[in-house]
């Protein structure tokens, strides 16, 4: 896949505050989960410590959410 990151690229992007996602490398087509920020208490995210286990995970930048469109009330 062209949007996969190496461990160094993923760690740098995470340190810069970008949203990085990971999934186990042994499961093809498994769900992508966001890597949490340090100190975050979100149970749906991977802990930041998975950046130490490069062989077990595939990394990518999280897709940006769609921009909100503001419409006037009529």
PDB file of N, CA and C in Angstrom:
ATOM      1  N   UNK A   1       0.834  -1.178   0.000  1.00  0.00           N
ATOM      2  CA  UNK A   1       0.000   0.000   0.000  1.00  0.00           C
ATOM      3  C   UNK A   1       0.881   1.244   0.000  1.00  0.00           C
ATOM      4  N   UNK A   2       0.449   2.247  -0.665  1.00  0.00           N
ATOM      5  CA  UNK A   2       1.258   3.444  -0.801  1.00  0.00           C
ATOM      6  C   UNK A   2       1.136   4.372   0.403  1.00  0.00           C
ATOM      7  N   UNK A   3       0.119   4.227   1.223  1.00  0.00           N
ATOM      8  CA  UNK A   3      -0.050   5.143   2.352  1.00  0.00           C
ATOM      9  C   UNK A   3       0.522   4.590   3.648  1.00  0.00           C
ATOM     10  N   UNK A   4       1.237   3.471   3.599  1.00  0.00           N
ATOM     11  CA  UNK A   4       1.842   2.919   4.805  1.00  0.00           C
ATOM     12  C   UNK A   4       3.088   3.711   5.174  1.00  0.00           C
ATOM     13  N   UNK A   5       3.356   3.791   6.468  1.00  0.00           N
ATOM     14  CA  UNK A   5       4.507   4.519   6.983  1.00  0.00           C
ATOM     15  C   UNK A   5       5.493   3.547   7.600  1.00  0.00           C
ATOM     16  N   UNK A   6       6.758   3.892   7.539  1.00  0.00           N
ATOM     17  CA  UNK A   6       7.757   3.128   8.276  1.00  0.00           C
ATOM     18  C   UNK A   6       7.632   3.507   9.751  1.00  0.00           C
ATOM     19  N   UNK A   7       8.325   2.787  10.595  1.00  0.00           N
ATOM     20  CA  UNK A   7       8.276   3.087  12.022  1.00  0.00           C
ATOM     21  C   UNK A   7       8.796   4.495  12.300  1.00  0.00           C
ATOM     22  N   UNK A   8       9.888   4.884  11.643  1.00  0.00           N
ATOM     23  CA  UNK A   8      10.456   6.206  11.864  1.00  0.00           C
ATOM     24  C   UNK A   8       9.494   7.294  11.407  1.00  0.00           C
ATOM     25  N   UNK A   9       8.857   7.123  10.252  1.00  0.00           N
ATOM     26  CA  UNK A   9       7.895   8.107   9.759  1.00  0.00           C
ATOM     27  C   UNK A   9       6.682   8.203  10.677  1.00  0.00           C
ATOM     28  N   UNK A  10       6.201   7.055  11.160  1.00  0.00           N
ATOM     29  CA  UNK A  10       5.047   7.040  12.058  1.00  0.00           C
ATOM     30  C   UNK A  10       5.375   7.717  13.382  1.00  0.00           C
ATOM     31  N   UNK A  11       6.551   7.434  13.937  1.00  0.00           N
ATOM     32  CA  UNK A  11       6.943   8.035  15.205  1.00  0.00           C
ATOM     33  C   UNK A  11       7.120   9.547  15.068  1.00  0.00           C
ATOM     34  N   UNK A  12       7.702  10.002  13.952  1.00  0.00           N
ATOM     35  CA  UNK A  12       7.886  11.430  13.730  1.00  0.00           C
ATOM     36  C   UNK A  12       6.544  12.136  13.562  1.00  0.00           C
ATOM     37  N   UNK A  13       5.638  11.541  12.780  1.00  0.00           N
ATOM     38  CA  UNK A  13       4.318  12.136  12.586  1.00  0.00           C
ATOM     39  C   UNK A  13       3.554  12.187  13.904  1.00  0.00           C
ATOM     40  N   UNK A  14       3.645  11.134  14.699  1.00  0.00           N
ATOM     41  CA  UNK A  14       2.962  11.101  16.003  1.00  0.00           C
ATOM     42  C   UNK A  14       3.530  12.175  16.919  1.00  0.00           C
ATOM     43  N   UNK A  15       4.863  12.343  16.916  1.00  0.00           N
ATOM     44  CA  UNK A  15       5.494  13.353  17.762  1.00  0.00           C
ATOM     45  C   UNK A  15       5.125  14.764  17.323  1.00  0.00           C
ATOM     46  N   UNK A  16       4.832  14.961  16.034  1.00  0.00           N
ATOM     47  CA  UNK A  16       4.433  16.266  15.518  1.00  0.00           C
ATOM     48  C   UNK A  16       2.960  16.560  15.757  1.00  0.00           C
ATOM     49  N   UNK A  17       2.243  15.626  16.353  1.00  0.00           N
ATOM     50  CA  UNK A  17       0.836  15.852  16.679  1.00  0.00           C
ATOM     51  C   UNK A  17      -0.139  15.392  15.616  1.00  0.00           C
ATOM     52  N   UNK A  18       0.326  14.702  14.600  1.00  0.00           N
ATOM     53  CA  UNK A  18      -0.572  14.191  13.564  1.00  0.00           C
ATOM     54  C   UNK A  18      -1.231  12.914  14.057  1.00  0.00           C
ATOM     55  N   UNK A  19      -2.405  12.630  13.510  1.00  0.00           N
ATOM     56  CA  UNK A  19      -3.123  11.408  13.891  1.00  0.00           C
ATOM     57  C   UNK A  19      -2.544  10.239  13.113  1.00  0.00           C
ATOM     58  N   UNK A  20      -2.005   9.263  13.821  1.00  0.00           N
ATOM     59  CA  UNK A  20      -1.417   8.073  13.214  1.00  0.00           C
ATOM     60  C   UNK A  20      -2.275   6.882  13.613  1.00  0.00           C
ATOM     61  N   UNK A  21      -2.540   5.991  12.656  1.00  0.00           N
ATOM     62  CA  UNK A  21      -3.316   4.787  12.925  1.00  0.00           C
ATOM     63  C   UNK A  21      -2.427   3.562  12.754  1.00  0.00           C
ATOM     64  N   UNK A  22      -2.807   2.479  13.418  1.00  0.00           N
ATOM     65  CA  UNK A  22      -2.060   1.227  13.332  1.00  0.00           C
ATOM     66  C   UNK A  22      -3.033   0.066  13.302  1.00  0.00           C
ATOM     67  N   UNK A  23      -2.559  -1.040  12.759  1.00  0.00           N
ATOM     68  CA  UNK A  23      -3.301  -2.297  12.827  1.00  0.00           C
ATOM     69  C   UNK A  23      -2.288  -3.425  12.873  1.00  0.00           C
ATOM     70  N   UNK A  24      -2.655  -4.556  13.436  1.00  0.00           N
ATOM     71  CA  UNK A  24      -1.719  -5.679  13.496  1.00  0.00           C
ATOM     72  C   UNK A  24      -1.340  -6.130  12.089  1.00  0.00           C
ATOM     73  N   UNK A  25      -0.073  -6.437  11.880  1.00  0.00           N
ATOM     74  CA  UNK A  25       0.387  -6.816  10.548  1.00  0.00           C
ATOM     75  C   UNK A  25      -0.030  -8.230  10.170  1.00  0.00           C
ATOM     76  N   UNK A  26      -0.364  -9.068  11.132  1.00  0.00           N
ATOM     77  CA  UNK A  26      -0.741 -10.443  10.810  1.00  0.00           C
ATOM     78  C   UNK A  26      -2.202 -10.572  10.396  1.00  0.00           C
ATOM     79  N   UNK A  27      -3.004  -9.525  10.530  1.00  0.00           N
ATOM     80  CA  UNK A  27      -4.410  -9.545  10.114  1.00  0.00           C
ATOM     81  C   UNK A  27      -4.588  -8.660   8.896  1.00  0.00           C
ATOM     82  N   UNK A  28      -4.811  -9.254   7.758  1.00  0.00           N
ATOM     83  CA  UNK A  28      -5.085  -8.444   6.567  1.00  0.00           C
ATOM     84  C   UNK A  28      -6.530  -7.991   6.605  1.00  0.00           C
ATOM     85  N   UNK A  29      -6.736  -6.700   6.421  1.00  0.00           N
ATOM     86  CA  UNK A  29      -8.084  -6.165   6.407  1.00  0.00           C
ATOM     87  C   UNK A  29      -8.671  -5.892   7.774  1.00  0.00           C
ATOM     88  N   UNK A  30      -7.871  -5.958   8.821  1.00  0.00           N
ATOM     89  CA  UNK A  30      -8.358  -5.663  10.160  1.00  0.00           C
ATOM     90  C   UNK A  30      -8.633  -4.176  10.316  1.00  0.00           C
ATOM     91  N   UNK A  31      -9.318  -3.797  11.382  1.00  0.00           N
ATOM     92  CA  UNK A  31      -9.642  -2.376  11.584  1.00  0.00           C
ATOM     93  C   UNK A  31      -8.409  -1.561  11.959  1.00  0.00           C
ATOM     94  N   UNK A  32      -8.392  -0.315  11.501  1.00  0.00           N
ATOM     95  CA  UNK A  32      -7.338   0.624  11.873  1.00  0.00           C
ATOM     96  C   UNK A  32      -7.773   1.332  13.147  1.00  0.00           C
ATOM     97  N   UNK A  33      -6.880   1.450  14.125  1.00  0.00           N
ATOM     98  CA  UNK A  33      -7.140   2.164  15.367  1.00  0.00           C
ATOM     99  C   UNK A  33      -6.114   3.269  15.530  1.00  0.00           C
ATOM    100  N   UNK A  34      -6.553   4.389  16.068  1.00  0.00           N
ATOM    101  CA  UNK A  34      -5.684   5.538  16.280  1.00  0.00           C
ATOM    102  C   UNK A  34      -4.726   5.266  17.432  1.00  0.00           C
ATOM    103  N   UNK A  35      -3.511   5.767  17.326  1.00  0.00           N
ATOM    104  CA  UNK A  35      -2.546   5.689  18.425  1.00  0.00           C
ATOM    105  C   UNK A  35      -2.812   6.889  19.327  1.00  0.00           C
ATOM    106  N   UNK A  36      -3.026   6.629  20.608  1.00  0.00           N
ATOM    107  CA  UNK A  36      -3.420   7.693  21.531  1.00  0.00           C
ATOM    108  C   UNK A  36      -2.246   8.598  21.869  1.00  0.00           C
ATOM    109  N   UNK A  37      -2.572   9.793  22.305  1.00  0.00           N
ATOM    110  CA  UNK A  37      -1.572  10.737  22.786  1.00  0.00           C
ATOM    111  C   UNK A  37      -1.121  10.300  24.176  1.00  0.00           C
ATOM    112  N   UNK A  38       0.003  10.769  24.617  1.00  0.00           N
ATOM    113  CA  UNK A  38       0.528  10.414  25.937  1.00  0.00           C
ATOM    114  C   UNK A  38      -0.422  10.938  27.013  1.00  0.00           C
ATOM    115  N   UNK A  39      -0.819  10.071  27.920  1.00  0.00           N
ATOM    116  CA  UNK A  39      -1.701  10.459  29.009  1.00  0.00           C
ATOM    117  C   UNK A  39      -3.178  10.416  28.678  1.00  0.00           C
ATOM    118  N   UNK A  40      -3.550  10.094  27.438  1.00  0.00           N
ATOM    119  CA  UNK A  40      -4.960  10.040  27.053  1.00  0.00           C
ATOM    120  C   UNK A  40      -5.607   8.795  27.649  1.00  0.00           C
ATOM    121  N   UNK A  41      -6.856   8.906  28.022  1.00  0.00           N
ATOM    122  CA  UNK A  41      -7.597   7.799  28.630  1.00  0.00           C
ATOM    123  C   UNK A  41      -8.700   7.316  27.695  1.00  0.00           C
ATOM    124  N   UNK A  42      -8.375   7.057  26.434  1.00  0.00           N
ATOM    125  CA  UNK A  42      -9.360   6.606  25.466  1.00  0.00           C
ATOM    126  C   UNK A  42      -9.178   5.111  25.232  1.00  0.00           C
ATOM    127  N   UNK A  43     -10.190   4.327  25.533  1.00  0.00           N
ATOM    128  CA  UNK A  43     -10.067   2.878  25.418  1.00  0.00           C
ATOM    129  C   UNK A  43     -10.150   2.379  23.981  1.00  0.00           C
ATOM    130  N   UNK A  44     -10.576   3.223  23.041  1.00  0.00           N
ATOM    131  CA  UNK A  44     -10.688   2.789  21.653  1.00  0.00           C
ATOM    132  C   UNK A  44      -9.396   2.993  20.873  1.00  0.00           C
ATOM    133  N   UNK A  45      -8.355   3.499  21.511  1.00  0.00           N
ATOM    134  CA  UNK A  45      -7.087   3.789  20.846  1.00  0.00           C
ATOM    135  C   UNK A  45      -6.010   2.808  21.295  1.00  0.00           C
ATOM    136  N   UNK A  46      -4.994   2.649  20.430  1.00  0.00           N
ATOM    137  CA  UNK A  46      -3.813   1.877  20.808  1.00  0.00           C
ATOM    138  C   UNK A  46      -2.967   2.753  21.731  1.00  0.00           C
ATOM    139  N   UNK A  47      -2.268   2.173  22.693  1.00  0.00           N
ATOM    140  CA  UNK A  47      -1.368   2.978  23.522  1.00  0.00           C
ATOM    141  C   UNK A  47      -0.139   3.386  22.708  1.00  0.00           C
ATOM    142  N   UNK A  48       0.499   4.452  23.103  1.00  0.00           N
ATOM    143  CA  UNK A  48       1.671   4.958  22.376  1.00  0.00           C
ATOM    144  C   UNK A  48       2.835   3.973  22.424  1.00  0.00           C
ATOM    145  N   UNK A  49       2.816   3.037  23.338  1.00  0.00           N
ATOM    146  CA  UNK A  49       3.921   2.086  23.464  1.00  0.00           C
ATOM    147  C   UNK A  49       4.028   1.122  22.286  1.00  0.00           C
ATOM    148  N   UNK A  50       3.012   1.055  21.421  1.00  0.00           N
ATOM    149  CA  UNK A  50       3.125   0.146  20.278  1.00  0.00           C
ATOM    150  C   UNK A  50       4.134   0.635  19.259  1.00  0.00           C
ATOM    151  N   UNK A  51       4.572   1.885  19.372  1.00  0.00           N
ATOM    152  CA  UNK A  51       5.615   2.371  18.474  1.00  0.00           C
ATOM    153  C   UNK A  51       6.942   1.665  18.741  1.00  0.00           C
ATOM    154  N   UNK A  52       7.038   0.924  19.840  1.00  0.00           N
ATOM    155  CA  UNK A  52       8.235   0.133  20.138  1.00  0.00           C
ATOM    156  C   UNK A  52       8.202  -1.236  19.476  1.00  0.00           C
ATOM    157  N   UNK A  53       7.069  -1.642  18.956  1.00  0.00           N
ATOM    158  CA  UNK A  53       6.898  -2.974  18.386  1.00  0.00           C
ATOM    159  C   UNK A  53       6.670  -2.871  16.881  1.00  0.00           C
ATOM    160  N   UNK A  54       7.689  -2.528  16.150  1.00  0.00           N
ATOM    161  CA  UNK A  54       7.555  -2.221  14.726  1.00  0.00           C
ATOM    162  C   UNK A  54       7.123  -3.417  13.894  1.00  0.00           C
ATOM    163  N   UNK A  55       7.580  -4.609  14.211  1.00  0.00           N
ATOM    164  CA  UNK A  55       7.282  -5.773  13.380  1.00  0.00           C
ATOM    165  C   UNK A  55       5.837  -6.220  13.498  1.00  0.00           C
ATOM    166  N   UNK A  56       5.189  -5.891  14.594  1.00  0.00           N
ATOM    167  CA  UNK A  56       3.842  -6.396  14.857  1.00  0.00           C
ATOM    168  C   UNK A  56       2.731  -5.522  14.282  1.00  0.00           C
ATOM    169  N   UNK A  57       3.064  -4.306  13.802  1.00  0.00           N
ATOM    170  CA  UNK A  57       2.035  -3.373  13.363  1.00  0.00           C
ATOM    171  C   UNK A  57       2.372  -2.728  12.024  1.00  0.00           C
ATOM    172  N   UNK A  58       1.323  -2.289  11.330  1.00  0.00           N
ATOM    173  CA  UNK A  58       1.427  -1.488  10.113  1.00  0.00           C
ATOM    174  C   UNK A  58       0.885  -0.112  10.477  1.00  0.00           C
ATOM    175  N   UNK A  59       1.568   0.937  10.043  1.00  0.00           N
ATOM    176  CA  UNK A  59       1.191   2.301  10.407  1.00  0.00           C
ATOM    177  C   UNK A  59       0.764   3.089   9.179  1.00  0.00           C
ATOM    178  N   UNK A  60      -0.122   4.080   9.386  1.00  0.00           N
ATOM    179  CA  UNK A  60      -0.522   5.025   8.342  1.00  0.00           C
ATOM    180  C   UNK A  60      -1.023   6.305   9.007  1.00  0.00           C
ATOM    181  N   UNK A  61      -1.082   7.392   8.215  1.00  0.00           N
ATOM    182  CA  UNK A  61      -1.698   8.624   8.705  1.00  0.00           C
ATOM    183  C   UNK A  61      -3.205   8.453   8.647  1.00  0.00           C
ATOM    184  N   UNK A  62      -3.888   8.918   9.659  1.00  0.00           N
ATOM    185  CA  UNK A  62      -5.349   8.813   9.703  1.00  0.00           C
ATOM    186  C   UNK A  62      -5.952   9.746   8.660  1.00  0.00           C
ATOM    187  N   UNK A  63      -6.997   9.303   7.964  1.00  0.00           N
ATOM    188  CA  UNK A  63      -7.651  10.202   7.005  1.00  0.00           C
ATOM    189  C   UNK A  63      -8.292  11.383   7.722  1.00  0.00           C
ATOM    190  N   UNK A  64      -8.265  12.509   7.069  1.00  0.00           N
ATOM    191  CA  UNK A  64      -8.851  13.712   7.653  1.00  0.00           C
ATOM    192  C   UNK A  64     -10.375  13.614   7.609  1.00  0.00           C
ATOM    193  N   UNK A  65     -11.057  14.033   8.667  1.00  0.00           N
ATOM    194  CA  UNK A  65     -12.525  14.015   8.640  1.00  0.00           C
ATOM    195  C   UNK A  65     -13.038  15.040   7.632  1.00  0.00           C
ATOM    196  N   UNK A  66     -14.208  14.804   7.063  1.00  0.00           N
ATOM    197  CA  UNK A  66     -14.739  15.775   6.101  1.00  0.00           C
ATOM    198  C   UNK A  66     -15.005  17.128   6.764  1.00  0.00           C
ATOM    199  N   UNK A  67     -14.819  18.174   5.994  1.00  0.00           N
ATOM    200  CA  UNK A  67     -15.054  19.525   6.525  1.00  0.00           C
ATOM    201  C   UNK A  67     -16.533  19.721   6.797  1.00  0.00           C
ATOM    202  N   UNK A  68     -16.829  20.405   7.887  1.00  0.00           N
ATOM    203  CA  UNK A  68     -18.236  20.667   8.228  1.00  0.00           C
ATOM    204  C   UNK A  68     -18.743  21.808   7.366  1.00  0.00           C
ATOM    205  N   UNK A  69     -19.952  21.653   6.890  1.00  0.00           N
ATOM    206  CA  UNK A  69     -20.595  22.705   6.105  1.00  0.00           C
ATOM    207  C   UNK A  69     -21.637  23.382   6.982  1.00  0.00           C
ATOM    208  N   UNK A  70     -21.490  24.666   7.132  1.00  0.00           N
ATOM    209  CA  UNK A  70     -22.440  25.423   7.931  1.00  0.00           C
ATOM    210  C   UNK A  70     -23.534  25.966   7.014  1.00  0.00           C
ATOM    211  N   UNK A  71     -24.752  25.651   7.374  1.00  0.00           N
ATOM    212  CA  UNK A  71     -25.903  26.124   6.595  1.00  0.00           C
ATOM    213  C   UNK A  71     -26.806  26.945   7.490  1.00  0.00           C
ATOM    214  N   UNK A  72     -27.350  28.019   6.986  1.00  0.00           N
ATOM    215  CA  UNK A  72     -28.234  28.838   7.816  1.00  0.00           C
ATOM    216  C   UNK A  72     -29.565  28.119   8.094  1.00  0.00           C
ATOM    217  N   UNK A  73     -30.120  28.389   9.259  1.00  0.00           N
ATOM    218  CA  UNK A  73     -31.429  27.844   9.600  1.00  0.00           C
ATOM    219  C   UNK A  73     -32.489  28.616   8.823  1.00  0.00           C
ATOM    220  N   UNK A  74     -33.361  27.890   8.179  1.00  0.00           N
ATOM    221  CA  UNK A  74     -34.458  28.567   7.452  1.00  0.00           C
ATOM    222  C   UNK A  74     -35.782  27.931   7.774  1.00  0.00           C
TER     223      UNK A  74
END
